[in-house]
Protein backbone atom coordinates (compact mmCIF):
# COMPACT_ATOMS: atom_id res chain seq x y z
CA UNK A 1 0.00 0.00 0.00
CA UNK A 2 1.04 3.64 -0.33
CA UNK A 3 2.74 5.41 2.55
CA UNK A 4 0.34 6.80 5.14
CA UNK A 5 1.69 9.46 7.51
CA UNK A 6 -0.53 10.00 10.53
CA UNK A 7 1.99 12.15 12.39
CA UNK A 8 0.88 15.50 10.93
CA UNK A 9 -0.50 17.59 13.85
CA UNK A 10 -2.96 19.30 11.50
CA UNK A 11 -4.62 15.95 10.79
CA UNK A 12 -5.21 15.57 14.51
CA UNK A 13 -6.45 19.15 14.88
CA UNK A 14 -8.96 18.55 12.05
CA UNK A 15 -9.94 15.16 13.51
CA UNK A 16 -9.03 13.35 10.27
CA UNK A 17 -6.83 10.55 11.63
CA UNK A 18 -9.48 7.98 12.57
CA UNK A 19 -10.12 6.63 9.03
CA UNK A 20 -6.38 6.52 8.30
CA UNK A 21 -5.67 4.57 11.47
CA UNK A 22 -8.58 2.22 10.73
CA UNK A 23 -7.16 1.55 7.29
CA UNK A 24 -3.71 0.83 8.74
CA UNK A 25 -5.20 -1.61 11.28
CA UNK A 26 -6.98 -3.44 8.47
CA UNK A 27 -4.31 -3.40 5.76
CA UNK A 28 -0.86 -2.80 7.27
CA UNK A 29 -0.92 -2.68 11.07
CA UNK A 30 2.85 -2.20 11.40
CA UNK A 31 3.41 0.38 8.68
CA UNK A 32 6.65 2.03 7.62
CA UNK A 33 6.54 5.72 6.78
CA UNK A 34 9.84 6.58 5.11
CA UNK A 35 9.35 10.33 4.98
CA UNK A 36 7.68 12.63 7.50
CA UNK A 37 8.40 15.88 9.32
CA UNK A 38 9.85 13.68 12.09
CA UNK A 39 11.90 11.41 9.87
CA UNK A 40 11.10 7.77 9.07
CA UNK A 41 9.05 5.78 11.59
CA UNK A 42 6.93 2.69 12.06
CA UNK A 43 3.22 3.09 12.93
CA UNK A 44 1.98 0.37 15.27
CA UNK A 45 -1.81 0.51 15.18
CA UNK A 46 -3.27 -2.77 16.46
CA UNK A 47 -3.95 -3.38 20.13
CA UNK A 48 -2.00 -6.64 20.44
CA UNK A 49 1.04 -5.25 18.60
CA UNK A 50 1.07 -2.22 20.91
CA UNK A 51 1.14 -4.54 23.93
CA UNK A 52 3.94 -6.51 22.28
CA UNK A 53 6.12 -3.41 21.95
CA UNK A 54 5.27 -2.24 25.48
CA UNK A 55 6.34 -5.54 27.05
CA UNK A 56 9.60 -5.84 25.08
CA UNK A 57 11.31 -2.94 26.82
CA UNK A 58 14.67 -4.68 26.53
CA UNK A 59 14.33 -4.46 22.71
CA UNK A 60 12.38 -1.22 22.29
CA UNK A 61 13.88 1.59 24.33
CA UNK A 62 12.24 4.60 25.95
CA UNK A 63 15.56 6.18 26.91
CA UNK A 64 16.22 9.80 26.03
CA UNK A 65 19.65 8.96 24.63
CA UNK A 66 17.87 6.96 21.91
CA UNK A 67 15.20 9.59 21.26
CA UNK A 68 12.77 9.34 24.17
CA UNK A 69 9.05 8.67 24.11
CA UNK A 70 7.65 11.14 21.57
CA UNK A 71 7.92 11.07 17.79
CA UNK A 72 9.52 14.53 17.73
CA UNK A 73 13.23 13.99 18.49
CA UNK A 74 13.86 17.68 19.20
CA UNK A 75 11.60 17.61 22.28
CA UNK A 76 14.38 15.63 23.98
CA UNK A 77 16.50 18.67 24.88
CA UNK A 78 20.01 19.19 26.14
CA UNK A 79 21.17 22.30 28.02
CA UNK A 80 24.49 22.95 29.72
CA UNK A 81 25.74 19.43 29.05
CA UNK A 82 22.71 17.68 30.60
CA UNK A 83 19.68 16.10 28.94
CA UNK A 84 16.17 17.00 30.03
CA UNK A 85 14.87 13.57 30.99
CA UNK A 86 12.39 12.10 33.41
CA UNK A 87 11.84 8.51 34.45
CA UNK A 88 9.37 7.91 31.61
CA UNK A 89 12.26 8.41 29.16
CA UNK A 90 14.56 5.90 30.87
CA UNK A 91 15.08 2.16 30.68
CA UNK A 92 15.56 -0.15 33.68
CA UNK A 93 17.10 0.04 36.19
CA UNK A 94 17.16 3.87 36.21
CA UNK A 95 13.48 3.99 35.30
CA UNK A 96 12.23 1.93 38.23
CA UNK A 97 14.59 3.56 40.75
CA UNK A 98 13.48 7.10 39.96
CA UNK A 99 9.81 6.20 39.43
CA UNK A 100 9.73 4.68 42.93
CA UNK A 101 10.64 8.04 44.46
CA UNK A 102 7.24 9.48 43.58
CA UNK A 103 5.00 6.41 43.73
CA UNK A 104 3.86 6.94 47.33
CA UNK A 105 1.84 9.98 46.25
CA UNK A 106 -0.80 7.58 44.91
CA UNK A 107 -0.73 5.17 47.85
CA UNK A 108 -4.10 4.12 49.26
CA UNK A 109 -3.96 6.50 52.28
CA UNK A 110 -3.19 9.44 50.02
CA UNK A 111 -5.99 8.52 47.62
CA UNK A 112 -8.42 8.43 50.56
CA UNK A 113 -7.32 11.92 51.53
CA UNK A 114 -7.54 13.19 47.95
CA UNK A 115 -11.09 11.82 47.62
CA UNK A 116 -12.33 14.33 50.19
CA UNK A 117 -10.34 17.22 48.74
CA UNK A 118 -11.38 16.52 45.14
CA UNK A 119 -15.06 16.11 46.02
CA UNK A 120 -15.25 19.44 47.82
CA UNK A 121 -13.40 21.31 45.08
CA UNK A 122 -15.45 19.69 42.34
CA UNK A 123 -18.75 20.42 44.05
CA UNK A 124 -17.78 24.00 44.84
CA UNK A 125 -16.71 24.64 41.24
CA UNK A 126 -19.77 23.08 39.65
CA UNK A 127 -21.99 25.22 41.87
CA UNK A 128 -20.46 28.36 40.32
CA UNK A 129 -21.25 27.39 36.72
CA UNK A 130 -23.97 29.30 34.86
CA UNK A 131 -27.13 27.35 34.02
CA UNK A 132 -28.50 27.84 30.53
CA UNK A 133 -25.69 30.16 29.41
CA UNK A 134 -22.79 29.21 27.10
CA UNK A 135 -19.30 28.90 28.58
CA UNK A 136 -16.01 27.14 27.83
CA UNK A 137 -15.89 23.81 29.66
CA UNK A 138 -12.13 23.43 29.13
CA UNK A 139 -11.24 26.73 30.76
CA UNK A 140 -13.83 26.85 33.52
CA UNK A 141 -13.88 23.19 34.56
CA UNK A 142 -11.30 20.81 33.07
CA UNK A 143 -8.26 23.07 33.42
CA UNK A 144 -9.27 24.50 36.77
CA UNK A 145 -9.93 21.15 38.46
CA UNK A 146 -6.73 19.53 37.20
CA UNK A 147 -4.63 22.60 38.00
CA UNK A 148 -5.94 22.68 41.56
CA UNK A 149 -5.02 19.01 41.90
CA UNK A 150 -1.53 19.61 40.52
CA UNK A 151 -0.96 22.40 43.02
CA UNK A 152 -1.88 20.01 45.84
CA UNK A 153 0.33 17.20 44.53
CA UNK A 154 3.38 19.48 44.41
CA UNK A 155 2.39 21.70 47.34
CA UNK A 156 2.89 24.48 44.82
CA UNK A 157 1.81 28.05 45.67
CA UNK A 158 -1.92 27.89 45.01
CA UNK A 159 -2.16 31.43 43.68
CA UNK A 160 0.44 30.56 41.00
CA UNK A 161 -1.15 27.25 39.98
CA UNK A 162 -1.89 28.42 36.42
CA UNK A 163 1.85 28.22 35.76
CA UNK A 164 1.67 24.44 36.11
CA UNK A 165 -0.83 24.13 33.27
CA UNK A 166 1.19 26.51 31.15
CA UNK A 167 4.41 24.56 31.71
CA UNK A 168 2.62 21.31 30.85
CA UNK A 169 1.39 22.82 27.58
CA UNK A 170 4.84 24.16 26.73
CA UNK A 171 6.57 20.87 27.59
CA UNK A 172 4.38 18.82 25.23
CA UNK A 173 4.04 21.26 22.34
CA UNK A 174 6.13 21.74 19.25
CA UNK A 175 7.20 25.32 18.52
CA UNK A 176 4.93 26.99 16.01
CA UNK A 177 1.82 24.94 16.79
CA UNK A 178 0.07 27.53 18.94
CA UNK A 179 1.67 27.41 22.38
CA UNK A 180 5.13 28.88 21.78
CA UNK A 181 6.42 30.32 18.53
CA UNK A 182 10.06 29.26 18.70
CA UNK A 183 12.35 26.76 20.39
CA UNK A 184 14.03 29.67 22.18
CA UNK A 185 10.71 30.66 23.77
CA UNK A 186 10.11 27.07 24.78
CA UNK A 187 13.52 26.74 26.45
CA UNK A 188 13.03 30.07 28.24
CA UNK A 189 9.75 28.91 29.78
CA UNK A 190 11.16 25.53 30.70
CA UNK A 191 14.00 27.28 32.50
CA UNK A 192 11.48 29.35 34.45
CA UNK A 193 9.87 26.07 35.52
CA UNK A 194 13.28 24.68 36.48
CA UNK A 195 14.13 27.75 38.60
CA UNK A 196 10.76 27.63 40.41
CA UNK A 197 11.09 23.96 41.33
CA UNK A 198 14.78 24.30 42.19
CA UNK A 199 13.78 26.81 44.83
CA UNK A 200 11.12 24.48 46.24
CA UNK A 201 13.62 21.62 46.14
CA UNK A 202 16.13 23.54 48.26
CA UNK A 203 13.46 24.51 50.77
CA UNK A 204 12.23 20.92 51.21
CA UNK A 205 15.46 18.92 51.02
CA UNK A 206 15.62 18.58 54.81
CA UNK A 207 11.96 17.75 55.47
CA UNK A 208 11.52 14.65 57.58
CA UNK A 209 8.14 13.63 56.17
CA UNK A 210 7.23 13.74 52.49
CA UNK A 211 3.62 14.60 51.68
CA UNK A 212 4.19 16.16 48.25
CA UNK A 213 6.01 15.25 45.07
CA UNK A 214 8.75 17.86 45.37
CA UNK A 215 9.70 16.66 48.83
CA UNK A 216 9.55 13.03 47.72
CA UNK A 217 11.99 13.68 44.88
CA UNK A 218 14.19 15.95 47.01
CA UNK A 219 14.60 13.41 49.81
CA UNK A 220 14.46 9.95 48.18
CA UNK A 221 17.78 8.13 47.85
CA UNK A 222 17.30 7.58 44.10
CA UNK A 223 16.52 11.23 43.27
CA UNK A 224 17.96 13.48 45.99
CA UNK A 225 21.23 14.09 44.14
CA UNK A 226 19.87 14.40 40.59
CA UNK A 227 21.31 17.12 38.39
CA UNK A 228 18.87 20.01 37.76
CA UNK A 229 17.86 18.79 34.30
CA UNK A 230 17.02 15.28 35.49
CA UNK A 231 15.11 16.71 38.46
CA UNK A 232 13.17 19.00 36.12
CA UNK A 233 12.54 16.08 33.75
CA UNK A 234 10.87 14.12 36.53
CA UNK A 235 8.86 17.15 37.59
CA UNK A 236 7.61 17.61 34.02
CA UNK A 237 6.68 13.93 33.70
CA UNK A 238 4.51 14.33 36.79
CA UNK A 239 3.03 17.67 35.70
CA UNK A 240 2.13 16.39 32.23
CA UNK A 241 0.87 13.07 33.60
CA UNK A 242 -1.31 14.86 36.14
CA UNK A 243 -2.59 17.36 33.62
CA UNK A 244 -3.22 15.98 30.15
CA UNK A 245 -4.87 12.64 30.87
CA UNK A 246 -7.35 14.01 33.39
CA UNK A 247 -8.05 17.35 31.74
CA UNK A 248 -8.78 15.91 28.32
CA UNK A 249 -10.81 13.01 29.71
CA UNK A 250 -13.00 15.51 31.58
CA UNK A 251 -13.69 17.28 28.30
CA UNK A 252 -13.96 14.03 26.36
CA UNK A 253 -16.70 12.92 28.74
CA UNK A 254 -18.82 15.94 27.85
CA UNK A 255 -18.33 15.34 24.13
CA UNK A 256 -19.16 11.65 24.51
CA UNK A 257 -22.38 12.25 26.42
CA UNK A 258 -23.43 14.96 23.96
CA UNK A 259 -22.87 12.60 21.03
CA UNK A 260 -24.40 9.57 22.80
CA UNK A 261 -27.14 11.06 25.03
CA UNK A 262 -28.67 7.66 25.73
CA UNK A 263 -25.51 6.74 27.64
CA UNK A 264 -25.95 9.68 29.99
CA UNK A 265 -29.52 8.64 30.66
CA UNK A 266 -28.38 5.09 31.35
CA UNK A 267 -25.77 6.37 33.80
CA UNK A 268 -28.39 8.43 35.62
CA UNK A 269 -30.56 5.33 35.88
CA UNK A 270 -27.66 3.04 36.85
CA UNK A 271 -25.08 5.04 38.82
CA UNK A 272 -23.29 1.79 39.67
CA UNK A 273 -21.92 1.99 36.11
CA UNK A 274 -19.98 5.20 36.84
CA UNK A 275 -16.71 3.43 37.59
CA UNK A 276 -16.90 1.50 34.32
CA UNK A 277 -17.93 4.68 32.51
CA UNK A 278 -14.68 6.29 33.68
CA UNK A 279 -12.67 3.59 31.90
CA UNK A 280 -14.84 3.90 28.79
CA UNK A 281 -14.31 7.68 28.69
CA UNK A 282 -10.54 7.24 28.92
CA UNK A 283 -10.65 4.57 26.18
CA UNK A 284 -12.95 6.54 23.89
CA UNK A 285 -11.09 9.84 24.25
CA UNK A 286 -7.51 8.43 24.49
CA UNK A 287 -5.95 11.63 25.91
CA UNK A 288 -2.40 10.70 24.84
CA UNK A 289 -2.36 9.80 21.14
CA UNK A 290 0.99 8.03 20.96
CA UNK A 291 4.14 6.85 22.68
CA UNK A 292 7.40 6.18 20.87
CA UNK A 293 10.17 3.62 21.31
CA UNK A 294 13.48 3.05 19.51
CA UNK A 295 14.71 -0.39 18.42
CA UNK A 296 17.94 -1.34 20.20
CA UNK A 297 18.67 -4.17 17.75
CA UNK A 298 17.26 -5.73 14.60
CA UNK A 299 14.01 -7.45 15.50
CA UNK A 300 10.64 -8.56 14.17
CA UNK A 301 7.20 -7.16 14.91
CA UNK A 302 4.04 -8.65 13.39
CA UNK A 303 6.10 -10.10 10.55
CA UNK A 304 7.91 -6.85 9.76
CA UNK A 305 11.68 -6.49 10.05
CA UNK A 306 12.55 -3.60 12.37
CA UNK A 307 16.13 -2.36 12.11
CA UNK A 308 18.31 -1.19 14.96
CA UNK A 309 17.72 2.52 15.50
CA UNK A 310 14.26 2.55 13.90
CA UNK A 311 11.63 4.76 15.46
CA UNK A 312 8.57 2.75 16.54
CA UNK A 313 5.39 4.73 17.30
CA UNK A 314 2.53 3.10 19.18
CA UNK A 315 -0.70 4.87 18.33
CA UNK A 316 -2.79 4.45 21.48
CA UNK A 317 -5.63 6.29 19.73
CA UNK A 318 -5.72 3.41 17.25
CA UNK A 319 -5.29 0.55 19.73
CA UNK A 320 -8.30 1.80 21.68
CA UNK A 321 -10.45 1.58 18.54
CA UNK A 322 -9.31 -1.90 17.49
CA UNK A 323 -12.46 -3.82 16.56
CA UNK A 324 -10.73 -7.12 17.23
CA UNK A 325 -10.69 -6.15 20.92
CA UNK A 326 -13.53 -3.63 21.37
CA UNK A 327 -16.84 -4.43 19.66
CA UNK A 328 -18.30 -1.41 17.86
CA UNK A 329 -15.18 0.42 19.00
CA UNK A 330 -16.18 3.89 17.77
CA UNK A 331 -19.32 3.81 19.91
CA UNK A 332 -19.36 5.08 23.48
CA UNK A 333 -20.84 2.46 25.85
CA UNK A 334 -20.78 3.03 29.61
CA UNK A 335 -21.48 -0.69 30.17
CA UNK A 336 -18.73 -1.96 27.83
CA UNK A 337 -17.54 -5.17 29.48
CA UNK A 338 -13.84 -4.73 28.67
CA UNK A 339 -13.48 -0.95 28.88
CA UNK A 340 -10.68 -1.32 31.43
CA UNK A 341 -8.50 -3.04 28.81
CA UNK A 342 -7.81 0.30 27.14
CA UNK A 343 -4.18 1.27 26.48
CA UNK A 344 -4.51 4.97 27.35
CA UNK A 345 -2.33 4.49 30.43
CA UNK A 346 0.25 2.43 28.59
CA UNK A 347 1.22 -1.08 29.60
CA UNK A 348 4.07 -2.91 31.29
CA UNK A 349 6.78 -1.09 33.21
CA UNK A 350 5.70 2.31 31.89
CA UNK A 351 2.03 1.97 32.85
CA UNK A 352 0.90 5.35 34.18
CA UNK A 353 1.75 5.67 37.86
CA UNK A 354 -1.11 8.09 38.54
CA UNK A 355 -3.88 6.22 36.76
CA UNK A 356 -5.90 5.62 39.94
CA UNK A 357 -5.78 9.31 40.82
CA UNK A 358 -6.88 10.26 37.31
CA UNK A 359 -9.75 7.78 37.53
CA UNK A 360 -10.70 9.13 40.96
CA UNK A 361 -10.92 12.71 39.69
CA UNK A 362 -13.03 11.71 36.71
CA UNK A 363 -15.29 9.46 38.81
CA UNK A 364 -16.02 12.23 41.29
CA UNK A 365 -16.78 14.68 38.49
CA UNK A 366 -19.28 12.21 36.99
CA UNK A 367 -20.87 11.55 40.39
CA UNK A 368 -21.30 15.26 41.06
CA UNK A 369 -22.73 15.90 37.58
CA UNK A 370 -25.15 12.97 37.87
CA UNK A 371 -26.24 14.11 41.34
CA UNK A 372 -27.24 17.47 39.83
CA UNK A 373 -29.18 15.69 37.04
CA UNK A 374 -27.50 17.88 34.46
CA UNK A 375 -27.40 17.51 30.71
CA UNK A 376 -24.49 19.39 29.13
CA UNK A 377 -24.93 20.39 25.50
CA UNK A 378 -22.03 21.19 23.18
CA UNK A 379 -23.20 24.45 21.57
CA UNK A 380 -20.32 25.30 19.23
CA UNK A 381 -17.29 23.87 17.52
CA UNK A 382 -14.82 22.12 19.78
CA UNK A 383 -11.28 23.38 19.18
CA UNK A 384 -8.93 20.39 19.18
CA UNK A 385 -5.33 20.61 20.37
CA UNK A 386 -2.95 20.86 17.39
CA UNK A 387 -0.74 17.98 18.41
CA UNK A 388 0.00 14.37 17.52
CA UNK A 389 0.79 13.66 21.19
CA UNK A 390 -1.83 15.34 23.37
CA UNK A 391 -5.27 14.29 22.16
CA UNK A 392 -7.68 16.78 23.61
CA UNK A 393 -9.35 20.16 23.48
CA UNK A 394 -8.34 23.80 23.68
CA UNK A 395 -11.95 25.01 23.80
CA UNK A 396 -15.31 23.32 24.26
CA UNK A 397 -18.34 25.65 24.24
CA UNK A 398 -21.19 24.15 26.26
CA UNK A 399 -24.47 24.97 27.98
CA UNK A 400 -25.88 23.24 31.07
CA UNK A 401 -29.49 22.15 30.91
CA UNK A 402 -30.68 21.42 34.44
């Protein structure tokens, strides 16, 4: 078949990738694109092949020295002799050592505490929303709730919490696609993030008890002595992980219920389905479109010969619509019996550390919306993020019908 390049951010912004990915799944599920803006790469589009790559981490590397985890090589930066890298862009054993430093933040006791905090904040925010008047769901709800949560996770100055969302957007965006105009601007903002967290790191390095992510990284044996770029890399992994998945799932839920109103009515009638609906929202929206690996040696994947050094891109947005795994995969079904099998959180050693917290935030939002018996209408064009990595919304005009 001819070459199909699904990496173009404009295709994602125009929501034109779904038929291309469906064709690749059907005709050439491990597809070589020899020429793209990001160089040659393999598209892995079927669910089972994505899992195969994820579990062969000794063959397909996430490490920054081989290119990292996004298709755009230039987003793996180097300043002052050090590479900007977090644990997501490392292979074992460095990956597991540094990941462990932050894992306690999502321990069961912390999740119990966060439940109370999230519920109060969510309820308070929803009570401020206008009824019957148009507003932007992304700005008023999705961004605000996730930014408040990020501020709590880092014990970041609450009045400055909008910086966290901004830094997440800058970290995941290519220059010229709407967030920053140039690479110089991007580096400048990333340095501002580094300086802010370096100050917090110094202040918390002698704390005896760690209740926030900065303190955990500043005091854990595996991360206490990290160079500034590695420390910043881990901070950015946690900011992006805490921001993009949750924020875009919160907006995806509104779009899904607007497009499939019968599913909202079913959820109102059967609130026991809310937990499963959370998984279905994350599957249906797929807030992170892809993850990338690099072949460490010649190998084979689904009958294709992958050469050492080849870029291998797992399209999560395709795996979650694989009809061989999910019946009527383009439909949104709150009672889907295998919704939890989605690949939005990755798989294997890189499975998202904060997935339970993301699910908790989304579950509470659904519970609070259902309790108010709301129907939320999309009343204008949704503006999609111009990115092949973050799969979400910049704007979503809605109106609440109570």
